[in-house]
């Protein structure tokens, strides 16, 4: 069946089906004489499993473990239950704090008092949503901050050459990625598994990025 029919059968919209296909969770066959995907009953069953797993907030990575890596479903469900219970504890604490602020009539002058309340509750084991930025958390868990320290990093980034080098490095990655995707799309098209429109889009995107990068390096054409 076609993707629109598969989406209806699985209770999804077409964009969701395509998303799960891009993530590698389903891989419908293509007809020899057509570029249209042919979704089988097995594909529909897998889509329904994905819907079920997403309803318990299971991550795409964990769904892959179950569907593609044959990891024991019981282990994955137990791990998911632990995550949900932790989330519930945090949500319950937030609800309790919100209700307390409403009942007591929160004003700007009360901010410090409520912050102290949260810290005290956390010290006693109560869980609140973690607001630590991801990079700070990685730094803290890895212990690298003890080695390089923020002052050294800030001093490094204060250097003009270092900042420009980092910017060029990031932009190079942005250029290499679309070029790589363009080559892959061409090979897929030549093997009968790709679409011409995808190649055109990657060509346009690559051209725009390369043009911008050329201007950054001062490589401009003169009329």
N, C-alpha and C. Protein backbone atom coordinates (compact mmCIF):
# COMPACT_ATOMS: atom_id res chain seq x y z
N UNK A 1 0.83 -1.19 0.00
CA UNK A 1 0.00 0.00 0.00
C UNK A 1 0.87 1.25 0.00
N UNK A 2 0.28 2.38 -0.40
CA UNK A 2 1.02 3.64 -0.47
C UNK A 2 1.18 4.24 0.93
N UNK A 3 2.03 5.26 1.00
CA UNK A 3 2.35 5.86 2.29
C UNK A 3 1.12 6.48 2.94
N UNK A 4 0.25 7.08 2.14
CA UNK A 4 -0.96 7.69 2.71
C UNK A 4 -1.86 6.64 3.33
N UNK A 5 -1.96 5.48 2.69
CA UNK A 5 -2.78 4.39 3.22
C UNK A 5 -2.14 3.80 4.47
N UNK A 6 -0.81 3.69 4.45
CA UNK A 6 -0.09 3.16 5.61
C UNK A 6 -0.25 4.08 6.81
N UNK A 7 -0.22 5.38 6.56
CA UNK A 7 -0.37 6.35 7.64
C UNK A 7 -1.74 6.21 8.30
N UNK A 8 -2.77 6.07 7.48
CA UNK A 8 -4.13 5.92 8.02
C UNK A 8 -4.24 4.62 8.81
N UNK A 9 -3.68 3.55 8.28
CA UNK A 9 -3.77 2.25 8.94
C UNK A 9 -3.06 2.25 10.29
N UNK A 10 -1.99 3.04 10.40
CA UNK A 10 -1.22 3.07 11.64
C UNK A 10 -1.66 4.18 12.58
N UNK A 11 -2.60 5.02 12.13
CA UNK A 11 -3.06 6.12 12.96
C UNK A 11 -2.08 7.27 13.03
N UNK A 12 -1.33 7.49 11.97
CA UNK A 12 -0.33 8.55 11.91
C UNK A 12 -0.61 9.46 10.73
N UNK A 13 0.13 10.57 10.67
CA UNK A 13 0.10 11.38 9.46
C UNK A 13 1.30 11.00 8.59
N UNK A 14 1.25 11.41 7.35
CA UNK A 14 2.29 11.02 6.39
C UNK A 14 3.67 11.50 6.83
N UNK A 15 3.75 12.72 7.38
CA UNK A 15 5.05 13.26 7.79
C UNK A 15 5.68 12.42 8.89
N UNK A 16 4.87 11.88 9.79
CA UNK A 16 5.39 11.03 10.87
C UNK A 16 5.95 9.73 10.31
N UNK A 17 5.25 9.16 9.34
CA UNK A 17 5.72 7.93 8.71
C UNK A 17 7.07 8.17 8.04
N UNK A 18 7.18 9.29 7.34
CA UNK A 18 8.44 9.63 6.68
C UNK A 18 9.55 9.85 7.70
N UNK A 19 9.20 10.48 8.82
CA UNK A 19 10.19 10.72 9.87
C UNK A 19 10.74 9.40 10.40
N UNK A 20 9.88 8.44 10.69
CA UNK A 20 10.34 7.15 11.21
C UNK A 20 11.12 6.37 10.15
N UNK A 21 10.79 6.62 8.90
CA UNK A 21 11.55 5.98 7.83
C UNK A 21 12.96 6.57 7.76
N UNK A 22 13.06 7.90 7.89
CA UNK A 22 14.38 8.55 7.88
C UNK A 22 15.24 8.08 9.05
N UNK A 23 14.58 7.80 10.18
CA UNK A 23 15.30 7.33 11.36
C UNK A 23 15.69 5.86 11.26
N UNK A 24 15.26 5.21 10.18
CA UNK A 24 15.64 3.81 9.98
C UNK A 24 14.79 2.81 10.73
N UNK A 25 13.66 3.25 11.28
CA UNK A 25 12.80 2.34 12.03
C UNK A 25 11.96 1.46 11.11
N UNK A 26 11.67 1.93 9.92
CA UNK A 26 10.98 1.13 8.93
C UNK A 26 11.70 1.29 7.60
N UNK A 27 11.60 0.28 6.76
CA UNK A 27 12.30 0.33 5.47
C UNK A 27 11.43 -0.36 4.41
N UNK A 28 10.36 0.32 3.97
CA UNK A 28 9.46 -0.29 2.99
C UNK A 28 10.15 -0.51 1.65
N UNK A 29 9.69 -1.53 0.95
CA UNK A 29 10.25 -1.83 -0.36
C UNK A 29 9.75 -0.84 -1.39
N UNK A 30 10.53 -0.71 -2.45
CA UNK A 30 10.13 0.11 -3.59
C UNK A 30 9.87 -0.82 -4.77
N UNK A 31 8.82 -0.54 -5.51
CA UNK A 31 8.53 -1.35 -6.68
C UNK A 31 9.61 -1.18 -7.73
N UNK A 32 9.85 -2.23 -8.51
CA UNK A 32 10.89 -2.20 -9.53
C UNK A 32 10.60 -1.15 -10.59
N UNK A 33 9.33 -0.94 -10.89
CA UNK A 33 8.96 0.00 -11.95
C UNK A 33 8.44 1.33 -11.40
N UNK A 34 8.67 1.55 -10.10
CA UNK A 34 8.13 2.78 -9.49
C UNK A 34 9.01 3.22 -8.35
N UNK A 35 9.01 4.52 -8.11
CA UNK A 35 9.74 5.06 -6.96
C UNK A 35 8.88 5.11 -5.71
N UNK A 36 7.62 4.70 -5.83
CA UNK A 36 6.73 4.72 -4.69
C UNK A 36 7.07 3.59 -3.73
N UNK A 37 6.99 3.89 -2.45
CA UNK A 37 7.22 2.87 -1.43
C UNK A 37 6.00 1.96 -1.33
N UNK A 38 6.25 0.70 -1.11
CA UNK A 38 5.17 -0.26 -0.97
C UNK A 38 5.17 -0.77 0.48
N UNK A 39 4.22 -0.30 1.27
CA UNK A 39 4.15 -0.66 2.69
C UNK A 39 3.36 -1.95 2.86
N UNK A 40 3.98 -2.91 3.53
CA UNK A 40 3.36 -4.21 3.75
C UNK A 40 2.65 -4.24 5.11
N UNK A 41 1.98 -5.35 5.38
CA UNK A 41 1.32 -5.52 6.67
C UNK A 41 2.34 -5.53 7.80
N UNK A 42 3.55 -6.05 7.51
CA UNK A 42 4.60 -6.04 8.52
C UNK A 42 5.04 -4.61 8.85
N UNK A 43 5.11 -3.76 7.82
CA UNK A 43 5.45 -2.35 8.05
C UNK A 43 4.40 -1.66 8.91
N UNK A 44 3.13 -1.96 8.66
CA UNK A 44 2.05 -1.35 9.43
C UNK A 44 2.14 -1.81 10.89
N UNK A 45 2.42 -3.10 11.07
CA UNK A 45 2.54 -3.63 12.43
C UNK A 45 3.69 -2.95 13.18
N UNK A 46 4.79 -2.72 12.46
CA UNK A 46 5.93 -2.05 13.08
C UNK A 46 5.59 -0.60 13.42
N UNK A 47 4.88 0.08 12.53
CA UNK A 47 4.46 1.45 12.79
C UNK A 47 3.57 1.53 14.03
N UNK A 48 2.69 0.56 14.18
CA UNK A 48 1.82 0.53 15.34
C UNK A 48 2.62 0.32 16.63
N UNK A 49 3.67 -0.50 16.55
CA UNK A 49 4.54 -0.69 17.71
C UNK A 49 5.24 0.63 18.06
N UNK A 50 5.69 1.34 17.03
CA UNK A 50 6.35 2.62 17.25
C UNK A 50 5.40 3.60 17.95
N UNK A 51 4.15 3.63 17.46
CA UNK A 51 3.14 4.50 18.08
C UNK A 51 2.97 4.15 19.55
N UNK A 52 2.87 2.86 19.83
CA UNK A 52 2.69 2.41 21.22
C UNK A 52 3.87 2.83 22.09
N UNK A 53 5.08 2.59 21.58
CA UNK A 53 6.28 2.93 22.36
C UNK A 53 6.40 4.44 22.58
N UNK A 54 6.01 5.22 21.57
CA UNK A 54 6.09 6.67 21.73
C UNK A 54 5.07 7.17 22.74
N UNK A 55 3.96 6.44 22.90
CA UNK A 55 2.94 6.82 23.87
C UNK A 55 3.45 6.69 25.30
N UNK A 56 4.50 5.90 25.51
CA UNK A 56 5.12 5.84 26.84
C UNK A 56 6.40 6.67 26.87
N UNK A 57 6.51 7.57 25.88
CA UNK A 57 7.61 8.52 25.81
C UNK A 57 8.96 7.83 25.62
N UNK A 58 8.96 6.69 24.96
CA UNK A 58 10.21 5.98 24.69
C UNK A 58 10.97 6.72 23.59
N UNK A 59 12.26 6.87 23.76
CA UNK A 59 13.08 7.60 22.79
C UNK A 59 13.26 6.79 21.51
N UNK A 60 13.60 7.48 20.43
CA UNK A 60 13.86 6.81 19.16
C UNK A 60 15.01 5.82 19.31
N UNK A 61 16.02 6.19 20.09
CA UNK A 61 17.16 5.31 20.30
C UNK A 61 16.75 4.01 20.97
N UNK A 62 15.88 4.10 21.98
CA UNK A 62 15.43 2.89 22.67
C UNK A 62 14.51 2.06 21.78
N UNK A 63 13.71 2.72 20.96
CA UNK A 63 12.86 1.98 20.03
C UNK A 63 13.72 1.20 19.04
N UNK A 64 14.81 1.80 18.60
CA UNK A 64 15.73 1.10 17.70
C UNK A 64 16.31 -0.14 18.37
N UNK A 65 16.61 -0.02 19.66
CA UNK A 65 17.15 -1.17 20.38
C UNK A 65 16.18 -2.34 20.35
N UNK A 66 14.90 -2.03 20.47
CA UNK A 66 13.88 -3.09 20.49
C UNK A 66 13.63 -3.65 19.10
N UNK A 67 13.44 -2.77 18.11
CA UNK A 67 13.02 -3.19 16.78
C UNK A 67 14.18 -3.66 15.90
N UNK A 68 15.34 -3.05 16.05
CA UNK A 68 16.46 -3.35 15.15
C UNK A 68 17.57 -4.16 15.80
N UNK A 69 17.75 -4.00 17.10
CA UNK A 69 18.85 -4.68 17.78
C UNK A 69 18.37 -5.86 18.62
N UNK A 70 17.06 -6.09 18.59
CA UNK A 70 16.47 -7.23 19.31
C UNK A 70 16.81 -7.24 20.80
N UNK A 71 16.92 -6.05 21.38
CA UNK A 71 17.16 -6.00 22.83
C UNK A 71 15.90 -6.44 23.57
N UNK A 72 16.08 -7.10 24.68
CA UNK A 72 14.96 -7.62 25.45
C UNK A 72 13.99 -6.50 25.82
N UNK A 73 12.73 -6.68 25.41
CA UNK A 73 11.73 -5.64 25.62
C UNK A 73 11.50 -5.38 27.10
N UNK A 74 11.59 -6.42 27.91
CA UNK A 74 11.37 -6.25 29.35
C UNK A 74 12.41 -5.31 29.96
N UNK A 75 13.66 -5.46 29.55
CA UNK A 75 14.73 -4.60 30.06
C UNK A 75 14.49 -3.15 29.65
N UNK A 76 14.10 -2.95 28.39
CA UNK A 76 13.86 -1.60 27.90
C UNK A 76 12.68 -0.96 28.62
N UNK A 77 11.62 -1.75 28.85
CA UNK A 77 10.45 -1.22 29.54
C UNK A 77 10.77 -0.88 31.00
N UNK A 78 11.57 -1.70 31.64
CA UNK A 78 11.96 -1.42 33.02
C UNK A 78 12.78 -0.13 33.10
N UNK A 79 13.68 0.03 32.13
CA UNK A 79 14.48 1.26 32.08
C UNK A 79 13.60 2.47 31.82
N UNK A 80 12.62 2.31 30.93
CA UNK A 80 11.71 3.41 30.63
C UNK A 80 10.86 3.76 31.84
N UNK A 81 10.44 2.75 32.58
CA UNK A 81 9.64 2.99 33.78
C UNK A 81 10.43 3.82 34.80
N UNK A 82 11.71 3.53 34.95
CA UNK A 82 12.55 4.30 35.87
C UNK A 82 12.62 5.76 35.43
N UNK A 83 12.78 5.98 34.13
CA UNK A 83 12.83 7.36 33.61
C UNK A 83 11.51 8.08 33.87
N UNK A 84 10.40 7.39 33.61
CA UNK A 84 9.09 8.00 33.82
C UNK A 84 8.85 8.32 35.29
N UNK A 85 9.29 7.44 36.15
CA UNK A 85 9.12 7.68 37.58
C UNK A 85 9.94 8.88 38.04
N UNK A 86 11.15 9.02 37.49
CA UNK A 86 11.97 10.19 37.81
C UNK A 86 11.31 11.47 37.30
N UNK A 87 10.77 11.40 36.09
CA UNK A 87 10.07 12.56 35.53
C UNK A 87 8.86 12.91 36.38
N UNK A 88 8.14 11.89 36.85
CA UNK A 88 6.96 12.11 37.66
C UNK A 88 7.31 12.80 38.98
N UNK A 89 8.42 12.37 39.57
CA UNK A 89 8.85 13.00 40.81
C UNK A 89 9.13 14.49 40.60
N UNK A 90 9.79 14.79 39.49
CA UNK A 90 10.11 16.19 39.19
C UNK A 90 8.84 16.99 38.91
N UNK A 91 7.92 16.41 38.15
CA UNK A 91 6.67 17.10 37.85
C UNK A 91 5.86 17.33 39.11
N UNK A 92 5.79 16.30 39.97
CA UNK A 92 5.05 16.43 41.23
C UNK A 92 5.63 17.56 42.09
N UNK A 93 6.95 17.66 42.13
CA UNK A 93 7.58 18.71 42.91
C UNK A 93 7.27 20.09 42.33
N UNK A 94 7.28 20.18 41.00
CA UNK A 94 6.96 21.45 40.35
C UNK A 94 5.51 21.84 40.61
N UNK A 95 4.61 20.86 40.56
CA UNK A 95 3.20 21.14 40.85
C UNK A 95 3.04 21.62 42.28
N UNK A 96 3.74 20.96 43.20
CA UNK A 96 3.66 21.35 44.61
C UNK A 96 4.18 22.77 44.82
N UNK A 97 5.29 23.09 44.17
CA UNK A 97 5.87 24.43 44.29
C UNK A 97 4.94 25.47 43.69
N UNK A 98 4.38 25.16 42.51
CA UNK A 98 3.46 26.09 41.85
C UNK A 98 2.23 26.35 42.72
N UNK A 99 1.69 25.29 43.31
CA UNK A 99 0.51 25.43 44.17
C UNK A 99 0.83 26.27 45.40
N UNK A 100 2.02 26.05 45.95
CA UNK A 100 2.46 26.82 47.12
C UNK A 100 2.55 28.30 46.79
N UNK A 101 3.11 28.62 45.61
CA UNK A 101 3.25 30.01 45.20
C UNK A 101 1.87 30.64 44.98
N UNK A 102 0.94 29.87 44.43
CA UNK A 102 -0.41 30.38 44.21
C UNK A 102 -1.14 30.61 45.53
N UNK A 103 -1.02 29.63 46.43
CA UNK A 103 -1.73 29.72 47.71
C UNK A 103 -1.22 30.87 48.57
N UNK A 104 0.09 31.12 48.49
CA UNK A 104 0.70 32.14 49.34
C UNK A 104 0.76 33.50 48.66
N UNK A 105 0.33 33.57 47.40
CA UNK A 105 0.32 34.85 46.70
C UNK A 105 1.72 35.35 46.37
N UNK A 106 2.38 34.68 45.45
CA UNK A 106 3.75 35.03 45.10
C UNK A 106 3.87 36.46 44.58
N UNK A 107 4.92 37.15 45.06
CA UNK A 107 5.29 38.46 44.54
C UNK A 107 6.79 38.46 44.26
N UNK A 108 7.26 39.48 43.56
CA UNK A 108 8.68 39.54 43.20
C UNK A 108 9.60 39.46 44.41
N UNK A 109 9.17 40.01 45.50
CA UNK A 109 10.01 40.03 46.70
C UNK A 109 10.15 38.66 47.34
N UNK A 110 9.34 37.69 46.91
CA UNK A 110 9.37 36.36 47.50
C UNK A 110 10.32 35.40 46.78
N UNK A 111 10.93 35.85 45.70
CA UNK A 111 11.74 34.95 44.87
C UNK A 111 12.83 34.25 45.67
N UNK A 112 13.58 35.01 46.43
CA UNK A 112 14.68 34.41 47.19
C UNK A 112 14.17 33.36 48.18
N UNK A 113 13.03 33.63 48.78
CA UNK A 113 12.47 32.70 49.76
C UNK A 113 12.09 31.37 49.10
N UNK A 114 11.52 31.45 47.92
CA UNK A 114 11.12 30.22 47.23
C UNK A 114 12.33 29.46 46.69
N UNK A 115 13.34 30.20 46.26
CA UNK A 115 14.58 29.54 45.83
C UNK A 115 15.18 28.77 47.01
N UNK A 116 15.18 29.38 48.17
CA UNK A 116 15.69 28.72 49.37
C UNK A 116 14.85 27.49 49.70
N UNK A 117 13.56 27.60 49.50
CA UNK A 117 12.65 26.47 49.73
C UNK A 117 13.01 25.30 48.81
N UNK A 118 13.28 25.60 47.53
CA UNK A 118 13.64 24.56 46.57
C UNK A 118 14.95 23.89 46.96
N UNK A 119 15.95 24.70 47.31
CA UNK A 119 17.25 24.14 47.69
C UNK A 119 17.12 23.25 48.92
N UNK A 120 16.31 23.68 49.87
CA UNK A 120 16.11 22.90 51.08
C UNK A 120 15.41 21.58 50.76
N UNK A 121 14.40 21.66 49.89
CA UNK A 121 13.67 20.44 49.51
C UNK A 121 14.58 19.48 48.75
N UNK A 122 15.44 20.01 47.89
CA UNK A 122 16.36 19.16 47.14
C UNK A 122 17.38 18.51 48.06
N UNK A 123 17.81 19.23 49.09
CA UNK A 123 18.77 18.66 50.03
C UNK A 123 18.17 17.50 50.82
N UNK A 124 16.84 17.45 50.89
CA UNK A 124 16.14 16.38 51.59
C UNK A 124 15.69 15.26 50.65
N UNK A 125 16.15 15.34 49.39
CA UNK A 125 15.87 14.27 48.44
C UNK A 125 14.76 14.52 47.47
N UNK A 126 14.10 15.66 47.56
CA UNK A 126 13.01 15.95 46.63
C UNK A 126 13.59 16.32 45.27
N UNK A 127 12.93 15.90 44.20
CA UNK A 127 13.43 16.10 42.85
C UNK A 127 12.68 17.23 42.15
N UNK A 128 13.46 18.14 41.53
CA UNK A 128 12.89 19.19 40.68
C UNK A 128 13.54 19.08 39.30
N UNK A 129 12.90 19.62 38.26
CA UNK A 129 13.53 19.61 36.93
C UNK A 129 14.92 20.21 36.97
N UNK A 130 15.86 19.55 36.28
CA UNK A 130 17.23 20.01 36.27
C UNK A 130 17.39 21.16 35.30
N UNK A 131 17.87 22.29 35.78
CA UNK A 131 18.04 23.47 34.92
C UNK A 131 19.50 23.69 34.55
N UNK A 132 20.38 22.76 34.94
CA UNK A 132 21.79 22.90 34.59
C UNK A 132 21.96 22.76 33.08
N UNK A 133 22.60 23.71 32.43
CA UNK A 133 22.82 23.58 30.99
C UNK A 133 23.56 22.30 30.65
N UNK A 134 23.28 21.79 29.47
CA UNK A 134 23.86 20.51 29.06
C UNK A 134 25.39 20.53 29.09
N UNK A 135 25.98 21.61 28.58
CA UNK A 135 27.45 21.67 28.55
C UNK A 135 28.03 21.70 29.95
N UNK A 136 27.38 22.43 30.86
CA UNK A 136 27.85 22.46 32.24
C UNK A 136 27.77 21.08 32.87
N UNK A 137 26.71 20.34 32.55
CA UNK A 137 26.53 19.02 33.11
C UNK A 137 27.61 18.07 32.59
N UNK A 138 27.89 18.16 31.29
CA UNK A 138 28.95 17.33 30.72
C UNK A 138 30.28 17.67 31.36
N UNK A 139 30.55 18.96 31.52
CA UNK A 139 31.80 19.39 32.12
C UNK A 139 31.95 18.86 33.54
N UNK A 140 30.84 18.94 34.28
CA UNK A 140 30.89 18.49 35.67
C UNK A 140 31.07 16.98 35.76
N UNK A 141 30.35 16.23 34.94
CA UNK A 141 30.42 14.78 35.00
C UNK A 141 31.75 14.24 34.50
N UNK A 142 32.34 14.90 33.49
CA UNK A 142 33.60 14.42 32.93
C UNK A 142 34.80 14.80 33.78
N UNK A 143 34.67 15.86 34.57
CA UNK A 143 35.79 16.31 35.38
C UNK A 143 36.82 17.11 34.61
N UNK A 144 36.54 17.39 33.32
CA UNK A 144 37.51 18.12 32.50
C UNK A 144 37.70 19.56 32.96
N UNK A 145 36.69 20.08 33.63
CA UNK A 145 36.80 21.46 34.10
C UNK A 145 37.98 21.63 35.05
N UNK A 146 38.29 20.55 35.79
CA UNK A 146 39.41 20.62 36.72
C UNK A 146 40.73 20.73 35.97
N UNK A 147 40.74 20.22 34.72
CA UNK A 147 41.98 20.22 33.94
C UNK A 147 42.17 21.53 33.19
N UNK A 148 41.12 21.91 32.42
CA UNK A 148 41.29 23.11 31.59
C UNK A 148 40.74 24.35 32.27
N UNK A 149 39.65 24.19 33.04
CA UNK A 149 39.07 25.33 33.75
C UNK A 149 38.42 26.32 32.81
N UNK A 150 37.34 26.92 33.25
CA UNK A 150 36.65 27.91 32.44
C UNK A 150 37.52 29.12 32.13
N UNK A 151 38.32 29.64 33.07
CA UNK A 151 39.13 30.83 32.75
C UNK A 151 40.02 30.62 31.53
N UNK A 152 40.64 29.43 31.43
CA UNK A 152 41.52 29.16 30.30
C UNK A 152 40.71 29.14 29.01
N UNK A 153 39.54 28.50 29.06
CA UNK A 153 38.69 28.42 27.87
C UNK A 153 38.27 29.81 27.43
N UNK A 154 37.85 30.63 28.39
CA UNK A 154 37.42 31.98 28.05
C UNK A 154 38.56 32.80 27.49
N UNK A 155 39.74 32.60 28.04
CA UNK A 155 40.91 33.32 27.54
C UNK A 155 41.23 32.89 26.12
N UNK A 156 41.08 31.58 25.85
CA UNK A 156 41.33 31.07 24.51
C UNK A 156 40.36 31.67 23.51
N UNK A 157 39.07 31.72 23.89
CA UNK A 157 38.06 32.24 22.98
C UNK A 157 38.14 33.76 22.85
N UNK A 158 38.86 34.40 23.77
CA UNK A 158 39.05 35.85 23.67
C UNK A 158 40.03 36.19 22.56
N UNK A 159 40.80 35.18 22.11
CA UNK A 159 41.76 35.37 21.05
C UNK A 159 41.04 35.40 19.70
N UNK A 160 41.28 36.44 18.91
CA UNK A 160 40.59 36.60 17.64
C UNK A 160 40.84 35.43 16.70
N UNK A 161 42.08 35.00 16.61
CA UNK A 161 42.43 33.90 15.71
C UNK A 161 41.70 32.62 16.10
N UNK A 162 41.62 32.35 17.42
CA UNK A 162 40.95 31.13 17.88
C UNK A 162 39.48 31.15 17.54
N UNK A 163 38.85 32.31 17.75
CA UNK A 163 37.43 32.41 17.43
C UNK A 163 37.19 32.20 15.95
N UNK A 164 38.04 32.81 15.11
CA UNK A 164 37.85 32.67 13.66
C UNK A 164 38.12 31.25 13.21
N UNK A 165 39.13 30.61 13.82
CA UNK A 165 39.45 29.24 13.47
C UNK A 165 38.28 28.32 13.81
N UNK A 166 37.67 28.54 14.96
CA UNK A 166 36.52 27.74 15.37
C UNK A 166 35.35 27.96 14.42
N UNK A 167 35.12 29.21 14.03
CA UNK A 167 34.02 29.53 13.13
C UNK A 167 34.21 28.87 11.77
N UNK A 168 35.44 28.94 11.26
CA UNK A 168 35.72 28.31 9.96
C UNK A 168 35.54 26.80 10.06
N UNK A 169 35.99 26.21 11.18
CA UNK A 169 35.85 24.77 11.37
C UNK A 169 34.39 24.34 11.36
N UNK A 170 33.56 25.09 12.07
CA UNK A 170 32.13 24.77 12.12
C UNK A 170 31.52 24.90 10.73
N UNK A 171 31.90 25.96 10.03
CA UNK A 171 31.31 26.18 8.70
C UNK A 171 31.79 25.12 7.70
N UNK A 172 33.04 24.67 7.86
CA UNK A 172 33.54 23.61 6.98
C UNK A 172 32.70 22.35 7.14
N UNK A 173 32.35 22.03 8.37
CA UNK A 173 31.49 20.88 8.62
C UNK A 173 30.14 21.07 7.94
N UNK A 174 29.63 22.30 8.02
CA UNK A 174 28.34 22.60 7.39
C UNK A 174 28.40 22.45 5.87
N UNK A 175 29.58 22.68 5.29
CA UNK A 175 29.74 22.55 3.85
C UNK A 175 29.96 21.09 3.46
N UNK A 176 30.81 20.39 4.23
CA UNK A 176 31.13 19.00 3.91
C UNK A 176 29.89 18.12 4.01
N UNK A 177 29.04 18.39 5.00
CA UNK A 177 27.85 17.55 5.18
C UNK A 177 26.94 17.54 3.96
N UNK A 178 26.53 18.74 3.44
CA UNK A 178 25.65 18.70 2.27
C UNK A 178 26.32 18.10 1.04
N UNK A 179 27.61 18.32 0.89
CA UNK A 179 28.32 17.74 -0.25
C UNK A 179 28.31 16.21 -0.16
N UNK A 180 28.50 15.71 1.06
CA UNK A 180 28.45 14.26 1.28
C UNK A 180 27.06 13.72 0.96
N UNK A 181 26.03 14.43 1.44
CA UNK A 181 24.66 14.01 1.17
C UNK A 181 24.35 14.07 -0.32
N UNK A 182 24.93 15.05 -1.00
CA UNK A 182 24.72 15.18 -2.44
C UNK A 182 25.28 13.96 -3.17
N UNK A 183 26.50 13.57 -2.81
CA UNK A 183 27.13 12.40 -3.44
C UNK A 183 26.32 11.14 -3.17
N UNK A 184 25.87 10.99 -1.92
CA UNK A 184 25.06 9.81 -1.55
C UNK A 184 23.76 9.80 -2.34
N UNK A 185 23.13 10.97 -2.49
CA UNK A 185 21.87 11.06 -3.23
C UNK A 185 22.06 10.67 -4.69
N UNK A 186 23.20 11.09 -5.26
CA UNK A 186 23.48 10.75 -6.66
C UNK A 186 23.65 9.24 -6.83
N UNK A 187 24.38 8.61 -5.91
CA UNK A 187 24.58 7.17 -5.98
C UNK A 187 23.25 6.43 -5.82
N UNK A 188 22.40 6.92 -4.90
CA UNK A 188 21.09 6.30 -4.70
C UNK A 188 20.24 6.41 -5.97
N UNK A 189 20.31 7.60 -6.60
CA UNK A 189 19.53 7.81 -7.81
C UNK A 189 20.01 6.89 -8.93
N UNK A 190 21.32 6.75 -9.06
CA UNK A 190 21.87 5.90 -10.11
C UNK A 190 21.53 4.42 -9.88
N UNK A 191 21.37 4.06 -8.60
CA UNK A 191 21.04 2.67 -8.28
C UNK A 191 19.53 2.42 -8.28
N UNK A 192 18.76 3.49 -8.55
CA UNK A 192 17.31 3.33 -8.64
C UNK A 192 16.58 3.52 -7.33
N UNK A 193 17.29 3.95 -6.28
CA UNK A 193 16.66 4.11 -4.96
C UNK A 193 16.50 5.58 -4.55
N UNK A 194 16.88 6.49 -5.41
CA UNK A 194 16.81 7.90 -5.05
C UNK A 194 15.87 8.68 -5.96
N UNK A 195 15.72 9.95 -5.61
CA UNK A 195 14.85 10.83 -6.40
C UNK A 195 15.63 12.03 -6.90
N UNK A 196 15.30 12.46 -8.10
CA UNK A 196 16.02 13.57 -8.72
C UNK A 196 15.83 14.86 -7.93
N UNK A 197 14.65 15.06 -7.37
CA UNK A 197 14.37 16.30 -6.64
C UNK A 197 15.30 16.44 -5.43
N UNK A 198 15.65 15.30 -4.82
CA UNK A 198 16.56 15.34 -3.67
C UNK A 198 17.93 15.84 -4.10
N UNK A 199 18.39 15.36 -5.25
CA UNK A 199 19.70 15.80 -5.78
C UNK A 199 19.68 17.30 -6.07
N UNK A 200 18.59 17.76 -6.67
CA UNK A 200 18.47 19.19 -7.00
C UNK A 200 18.53 20.04 -5.73
N UNK A 201 17.80 19.61 -4.71
CA UNK A 201 17.76 20.37 -3.45
C UNK A 201 19.14 20.43 -2.81
N UNK A 202 19.84 19.29 -2.77
CA UNK A 202 21.18 19.28 -2.18
C UNK A 202 22.15 20.12 -3.01
N UNK A 203 21.97 20.15 -4.33
CA UNK A 203 22.83 20.98 -5.18
C UNK A 203 22.64 22.46 -4.84
N UNK A 204 21.39 22.87 -4.72
CA UNK A 204 21.10 24.27 -4.41
C UNK A 204 21.65 24.64 -3.04
N UNK A 205 21.40 23.77 -2.06
CA UNK A 205 21.87 24.03 -0.69
C UNK A 205 23.39 24.09 -0.64
N UNK A 206 24.06 23.16 -1.32
CA UNK A 206 25.53 23.13 -1.34
C UNK A 206 26.09 24.39 -2.01
N UNK A 207 25.47 24.80 -3.11
CA UNK A 207 25.92 26.00 -3.83
C UNK A 207 25.83 27.23 -2.95
N UNK A 208 24.72 27.36 -2.22
CA UNK A 208 24.54 28.52 -1.35
C UNK A 208 25.59 28.55 -0.24
N UNK A 209 25.81 27.39 0.39
CA UNK A 209 26.79 27.35 1.47
C UNK A 209 28.20 27.62 0.97
N UNK A 210 28.55 27.02 -0.16
CA UNK A 210 29.89 27.23 -0.71
C UNK A 210 30.08 28.69 -1.10
N UNK A 211 29.04 29.32 -1.62
CA UNK A 211 29.13 30.74 -2.00
C UNK A 211 29.39 31.60 -0.77
N UNK A 212 28.65 31.31 0.30
CA UNK A 212 28.84 32.07 1.54
C UNK A 212 30.24 31.84 2.09
N UNK A 213 30.69 30.57 2.03
CA UNK A 213 32.02 30.25 2.55
C UNK A 213 33.10 30.94 1.74
N UNK A 214 32.88 31.02 0.42
CA UNK A 214 33.85 31.70 -0.43
C UNK A 214 33.98 33.17 -0.08
N UNK A 215 32.86 33.80 0.26
CA UNK A 215 32.90 35.21 0.66
C UNK A 215 33.63 35.37 1.99
N UNK A 216 33.45 34.38 2.88
CA UNK A 216 34.14 34.45 4.17
C UNK A 216 35.65 34.43 3.97
N UNK A 217 36.09 33.66 2.97
CA UNK A 217 37.53 33.54 2.71
C UNK A 217 38.04 34.62 1.76
N UNK A 218 37.11 35.46 1.28
CA UNK A 218 37.51 36.51 0.36
C UNK A 218 37.65 36.03 -1.06
N UNK A 219 37.08 34.83 -1.35
CA UNK A 219 37.14 34.29 -2.71
C UNK A 219 35.93 34.78 -3.47
N UNK A 220 36.00 35.88 -4.11
CA UNK A 220 34.87 36.45 -4.83
C UNK A 220 35.25 36.65 -6.28
N UNK A 221 34.30 36.41 -7.15
CA UNK A 221 34.57 36.57 -8.60
C UNK A 221 34.46 38.06 -8.95
N UNK A 222 35.30 38.48 -9.87
CA UNK A 222 35.29 39.86 -10.34
C UNK A 222 34.72 39.92 -11.73
N UNK A 223 33.76 40.81 -11.94
CA UNK A 223 33.14 40.93 -13.25
C UNK A 223 34.11 41.54 -14.23
